[in-house]
């Protein structure tokens, strides 16, 4: 009797570091060199906490670049453009903000205001191309690809504008300089690029660009507010920090908060796409009443600003109203074609869930950081200030959404509408509190 021996080969998964290639390690070396250069060049302007944040940021950026490789090119482009802008400011040996109006490269491209304006233009153009792809006769691949590429350009310009604005604040005076996350103008820029980055990640993961038009609508709406806020209110001017914001907690709390805001907004727009696809074949207009209601809410946003005491730019908000009405009407009338281009409902539901899960995790971290900041600034972790109260409402809303999904299997129409309502709640917590209520956070008033 012959016994045959069978050799079994067991292949173990390679370790994380073993899977890194030459380009990965080259990127890591460049990130490390950039961190050391920053510490050596600008360390004199940093306190101990800021140096700690910088040291922790380097491995974090390396990890992000390894996790999602398109970010490596983005980081290198932003670093290059930022250093070029700083060099242009320092051409005469002593940096001066006046050069932003006399140097061609700064005036039209790389000063913070110019770069952020380019961000807005690119986001608007990307929105147009994404929607053109949805309505195109063919598959619309070229238009969708152009839309995606323009989003990358917009993100690069937004980050460049942010980095240059940080440097410009120090040109006003060492005591004025601060990371640009301190007022509505600066955090709206953050909201725009952060929402877009998360969208592009899901776009690549799910291999579909059909959601770009929906997500870029909320980003373009934020850009529209940003333009009004800049032109009518002069919000682009760099101001010294109020005493309540002169804390290193701000550098952690605000970005974590806006990861939450950005992903919640992304989830809401995906939910809107879900409802459009679900009712794409519906011919009875009364059955579309909920979507008409959503359109009315979006179109009457300008009236909310007026009632909230936000004055100025009446003609601007009327144009905004008209564009909003046209967009909502166009989506509803073209819902069949749009629905046919959108991914399966299961994919939309999955993107919605993952976006809310990520946002909830970071919003929780931001809330804890905010409590610690409040304890340092005001002597108590929680004071039931209107901003704090509404932050808790936002947290409870998404905690309940996740609980119902994970424990009760919530899916479909109810979860989509809940995500949309969540955006309304989040928007009020972000803007409405500043407009209608007062409290310890009144320094963020419109």
Foldseek 3Di string as FASTA:
>chain_A
DDDDDDDDDDDDDDDPVVPDDPVLVVLLVVLVVVLVVCCVPVVVLDDPVVNVVSVVVSVVQSVVCSVPVVVSVLVVLLVVLLVVVVCQQCVVPAGAPVSCCVPPCNVQDQALVNLQVLLLVLLVQLLVLLVCCLVPPPNSPVSLVSSLVSLSSSLSSLSSSQSNVQVVLCNVHSQQHDRQLQALLSLLSVLLNLLSVLVVVLCVVVVASLLVNLSSVVSSVSSLVNVCCCVWVVVVDRDGHDPLPPDPLSVQLRNLLSLLLSLLSSLLSLLVLLVLLVCLPPDDVVVCVVLVVVLVVQLCVVVVCVVLVNDDDPVSNVVVSVVSNVVSVVCNVNSNSSSVRDDDSVSSFVSSVVSLVSSLVSLVVSLQSCLVSCCVRPVGSDDVWVLNVLSVVLNVLSVVLNCCCVPVVDDDNVSNVSSNVSSVSVCCSVQVCLRHHDDPPVVRHD
